N, C-alpha and C. Protein backbone atom coordinates (compact mmCIF):
# COMPACT_ATOMS: atom_id res chain seq x y z
N MET A 1 60.56 37.63 109.90
CA MET A 1 59.61 36.85 110.68
C MET A 1 58.39 37.71 110.99
N ASP A 2 57.32 37.03 111.27
CA ASP A 2 56.08 37.76 111.54
C ASP A 2 56.05 38.32 112.95
N SER A 3 55.11 39.21 113.17
CA SER A 3 55.03 39.89 114.47
C SER A 3 54.65 38.91 115.58
N GLU A 4 53.92 37.85 115.26
CA GLU A 4 53.58 36.85 116.27
C GLU A 4 54.84 36.15 116.79
N PHE A 5 55.73 35.85 115.89
CA PHE A 5 57.00 35.24 116.27
C PHE A 5 57.78 36.18 117.19
N GLU A 6 57.86 37.46 116.81
CA GLU A 6 58.58 38.43 117.64
C GLU A 6 57.92 38.59 119.00
N LYS A 7 56.60 38.49 119.05
CA LYS A 7 55.91 38.55 120.35
C LYS A 7 56.31 37.37 121.23
N ARG A 8 56.45 36.19 120.63
CA ARG A 8 56.87 35.02 121.41
C ARG A 8 58.30 35.18 121.91
N ILE A 9 59.15 35.74 121.07
CA ILE A 9 60.52 36.01 121.50
C ILE A 9 60.51 36.98 122.68
N GLN A 10 59.73 38.05 122.57
CA GLN A 10 59.63 39.03 123.66
C GLN A 10 59.10 38.38 124.93
N GLN A 11 58.17 37.45 124.79
CA GLN A 11 57.64 36.75 125.96
C GLN A 11 58.73 35.94 126.65
N HIS A 12 59.57 35.29 125.88
CA HIS A 12 60.69 34.54 126.46
C HIS A 12 61.67 35.47 127.15
N ILE A 13 61.93 36.61 126.57
CA ILE A 13 62.81 37.60 127.20
C ILE A 13 62.22 38.05 128.53
N GLN A 14 60.93 38.35 128.53
CA GLN A 14 60.27 38.77 129.78
C GLN A 14 60.30 37.66 130.83
N ASP A 15 60.12 36.42 130.39
CA ASP A 15 60.18 35.29 131.33
C ASP A 15 61.57 35.21 131.97
N CYS A 16 62.61 35.36 131.15
CA CYS A 16 63.98 35.34 131.68
C CYS A 16 64.21 36.50 132.63
N GLU A 17 63.72 37.68 132.28
CA GLU A 17 63.89 38.86 133.14
C GLU A 17 63.24 38.66 134.49
N ARG A 18 62.11 37.95 134.53
CA ARG A 18 61.44 37.70 135.81
C ARG A 18 62.26 36.82 136.75
N TYR A 19 63.12 35.98 136.16
CA TYR A 19 63.95 35.10 136.99
C TYR A 19 65.16 35.79 137.57
N ILE A 20 65.51 36.96 137.06
CA ILE A 20 66.68 37.68 137.54
C ILE A 20 66.30 38.45 138.80
N ARG A 21 66.91 38.03 139.92
CA ARG A 21 66.64 38.66 141.21
C ARG A 21 67.93 38.74 142.02
N PRO A 22 68.06 39.77 142.82
CA PRO A 22 69.26 39.88 143.66
C PRO A 22 69.44 38.68 144.60
N SER A 23 68.35 38.05 144.99
CA SER A 23 68.44 36.93 145.93
C SER A 23 68.89 35.63 145.26
N ASN A 24 68.90 35.59 143.93
CA ASN A 24 69.33 34.39 143.21
C ASN A 24 70.83 34.20 143.28
N ASN A 25 71.23 32.98 143.02
CA ASN A 25 72.63 32.68 142.81
C ASN A 25 73.09 33.52 141.61
N PRO A 26 74.24 34.17 141.70
CA PRO A 26 74.71 35.00 140.58
C PRO A 26 74.85 34.22 139.27
N ILE A 27 75.14 32.94 139.35
CA ILE A 27 75.27 32.13 138.13
C ILE A 27 73.92 32.02 137.43
N VAL A 28 72.85 31.84 138.18
CA VAL A 28 71.51 31.76 137.59
C VAL A 28 71.18 33.08 136.90
N ASN A 29 71.44 34.18 137.57
CA ASN A 29 71.17 35.49 136.96
C ASN A 29 71.99 35.68 135.69
N GLN A 30 73.25 35.27 135.72
CA GLN A 30 74.10 35.42 134.53
C GLN A 30 73.57 34.58 133.38
N ARG A 31 73.13 33.37 133.66
CA ARG A 31 72.57 32.51 132.59
C ARG A 31 71.33 33.14 131.97
N MET A 32 70.49 33.73 132.79
CA MET A 32 69.29 34.37 132.25
C MET A 32 69.67 35.57 131.38
N LYS A 33 70.66 36.34 131.83
CA LYS A 33 71.11 37.49 131.05
C LYS A 33 71.71 37.05 129.71
N GLU A 34 72.44 35.93 129.73
CA GLU A 34 73.01 35.41 128.49
C GLU A 34 71.90 34.96 127.54
N LYS A 35 70.89 34.29 128.06
CA LYS A 35 69.77 33.87 127.21
C LYS A 35 69.06 35.07 126.61
N ILE A 36 68.86 36.10 127.42
CA ILE A 36 68.22 37.32 126.91
C ILE A 36 69.04 37.89 125.76
N ALA A 37 70.35 37.94 125.94
CA ALA A 37 71.23 38.47 124.88
C ALA A 37 71.10 37.65 123.60
N VAL A 38 71.02 36.34 123.74
CA VAL A 38 70.88 35.48 122.55
C VAL A 38 69.52 35.71 121.91
N PHE A 39 68.46 35.76 122.70
CA PHE A 39 67.13 36.00 122.14
C PHE A 39 67.08 37.31 121.37
N ARG A 40 67.76 38.32 121.90
CA ARG A 40 67.73 39.64 121.24
C ARG A 40 68.58 39.68 119.97
N SER A 41 69.70 38.99 119.97
CA SER A 41 70.65 39.14 118.86
C SER A 41 70.66 37.99 117.86
N ALA A 42 69.96 36.92 118.15
CA ALA A 42 69.99 35.75 117.26
C ALA A 42 69.38 36.07 115.91
N PRO A 43 69.92 35.44 114.87
CA PRO A 43 69.32 35.63 113.55
C PRO A 43 67.88 35.11 113.54
N ARG A 44 67.09 35.67 112.68
CA ARG A 44 65.68 35.28 112.62
C ARG A 44 65.37 34.40 111.41
N ASP A 45 66.35 34.18 110.57
CA ASP A 45 66.10 33.31 109.41
C ASP A 45 66.70 31.93 109.67
N VAL A 46 66.06 30.92 109.13
CA VAL A 46 66.42 29.54 109.42
C VAL A 46 67.86 29.20 109.03
N PRO A 47 68.32 29.52 107.83
CA PRO A 47 69.70 29.15 107.48
C PRO A 47 70.74 29.75 108.43
N SER A 48 70.56 30.99 108.81
CA SER A 48 71.51 31.63 109.73
C SER A 48 71.44 31.02 111.13
N LEU A 49 70.23 30.69 111.56
CA LEU A 49 70.06 30.04 112.87
C LEU A 49 70.72 28.67 112.87
N GLU A 50 70.50 27.91 111.80
CA GLU A 50 71.11 26.59 111.71
C GLU A 50 72.63 26.69 111.73
N MET A 51 73.18 27.68 111.06
CA MET A 51 74.63 27.86 111.06
C MET A 51 75.11 28.23 112.46
N ALA A 52 74.40 29.12 113.14
CA ALA A 52 74.78 29.51 114.50
C ALA A 52 74.76 28.30 115.43
N ILE A 53 73.78 27.44 115.27
CA ILE A 53 73.70 26.23 116.11
C ILE A 53 74.87 25.30 115.80
N ARG A 54 75.18 25.10 114.52
CA ARG A 54 76.32 24.24 114.15
C ARG A 54 77.62 24.80 114.72
N ILE A 55 77.79 26.11 114.66
CA ILE A 55 79.01 26.73 115.19
C ILE A 55 79.10 26.51 116.69
N ARG A 56 78.00 26.74 117.41
CA ARG A 56 78.02 26.54 118.87
C ARG A 56 78.31 25.08 119.22
N LYS A 57 77.74 24.15 118.47
CA LYS A 57 78.00 22.72 118.74
C LYS A 57 79.47 22.39 118.53
N ARG A 58 80.06 22.93 117.46
CA ARG A 58 81.48 22.70 117.21
C ARG A 58 82.32 23.32 118.32
N GLN A 59 81.98 24.54 118.72
CA GLN A 59 82.71 25.20 119.80
C GLN A 59 82.58 24.42 121.10
N LEU A 60 81.42 23.84 121.33
CA LEU A 60 81.19 23.06 122.55
C LEU A 60 82.09 21.82 122.57
N LYS A 61 82.23 21.18 121.42
CA LYS A 61 83.12 20.01 121.34
C LYS A 61 84.57 20.38 121.63
N GLU A 62 84.95 21.59 121.24
CA GLU A 62 86.33 22.04 121.40
C GLU A 62 86.59 22.72 122.74
N ALA A 63 85.56 23.08 123.47
CA ALA A 63 85.72 23.82 124.73
C ALA A 63 86.42 22.96 125.77
N ARG A 64 87.30 23.60 126.50
CA ARG A 64 88.08 22.88 127.52
C ARG A 64 87.83 23.41 128.93
N ILE A 65 87.24 24.57 129.05
CA ILE A 65 87.02 25.19 130.35
C ILE A 65 85.52 25.15 130.67
N ILE A 66 85.19 24.78 131.88
CA ILE A 66 83.79 24.60 132.27
C ILE A 66 82.96 25.86 132.05
N THR A 67 83.54 27.03 132.30
CA THR A 67 82.78 28.26 132.09
C THR A 67 82.46 28.46 130.61
N GLN A 68 83.35 28.02 129.74
CA GLN A 68 83.08 28.08 128.29
C GLN A 68 81.93 27.14 127.93
N THR A 69 81.99 25.92 128.46
CA THR A 69 80.95 24.95 128.12
C THR A 69 79.60 25.40 128.65
N ASP A 70 79.56 25.94 129.86
CA ASP A 70 78.29 26.42 130.43
C ASP A 70 77.67 27.50 129.55
N LYS A 71 78.50 28.45 129.15
CA LYS A 71 78.01 29.55 128.32
C LYS A 71 77.53 29.04 126.96
N LEU A 72 78.29 28.13 126.36
CA LEU A 72 77.91 27.59 125.05
C LEU A 72 76.62 26.77 125.13
N VAL A 73 76.49 25.97 126.18
CA VAL A 73 75.26 25.19 126.36
C VAL A 73 74.07 26.12 126.51
N ASN A 74 74.24 27.16 127.28
CA ASN A 74 73.18 28.14 127.50
C ASN A 74 72.78 28.82 126.18
N GLU A 75 73.78 29.24 125.40
CA GLU A 75 73.50 29.86 124.11
C GLU A 75 72.83 28.88 123.16
N LEU A 76 73.31 27.66 123.15
CA LEU A 76 72.74 26.63 122.28
C LEU A 76 71.29 26.36 122.63
N GLU A 77 70.98 26.29 123.91
CA GLU A 77 69.59 26.09 124.34
C GLU A 77 68.70 27.22 123.84
N ALA A 78 69.18 28.45 123.94
CA ALA A 78 68.38 29.59 123.49
C ALA A 78 68.19 29.57 121.98
N LEU A 79 69.24 29.26 121.23
CA LEU A 79 69.12 29.19 119.77
C LEU A 79 68.15 28.08 119.35
N GLU A 80 68.25 26.94 120.02
CA GLU A 80 67.34 25.84 119.70
C GLU A 80 65.90 26.19 120.07
N ARG A 81 65.73 26.96 121.12
CA ARG A 81 64.38 27.40 121.49
C ARG A 81 63.80 28.31 120.41
N ILE A 82 64.63 29.16 119.83
CA ILE A 82 64.18 30.01 118.73
C ILE A 82 63.77 29.14 117.55
N MET A 83 64.54 28.10 117.26
CA MET A 83 64.15 27.18 116.18
C MET A 83 62.80 26.54 116.49
N ASP A 84 62.58 26.20 117.75
CA ASP A 84 61.27 25.64 118.14
C ASP A 84 60.16 26.64 117.88
N LEU A 85 60.41 27.90 118.19
CA LEU A 85 59.39 28.94 118.00
C LEU A 85 59.08 29.13 116.52
N ILE A 86 60.10 28.97 115.69
CA ILE A 86 59.88 29.06 114.25
C ILE A 86 59.08 27.85 113.77
N GLY A 87 59.23 26.75 114.48
CA GLY A 87 58.49 25.53 114.12
C GLY A 87 59.30 24.58 113.27
N ILE A 88 60.63 24.63 113.39
CA ILE A 88 61.50 23.81 112.58
C ILE A 88 61.85 22.49 113.26
N ARG A 89 62.08 22.50 114.54
CA ARG A 89 62.53 21.26 115.20
C ARG A 89 61.37 20.44 115.68
């Protein structure tokens, strides 16, 4: 991916980092940290991103515990945001 794309990813990471505060609900802080982790580690090519999204959607359908579903929804939102940044969706 081009450097402009990586700059946008870094901007999203910085935005998430700004939301992390000791005064926040710990769940909010954890969600932001999870999004940051996804932004940093997500594949940058479209086929791999599409596969990661399909996997998360399948896992979400199979999830039975609310903490699993929350984490998967959060990861899925971040992956889909990366697809938006690429300009695919």
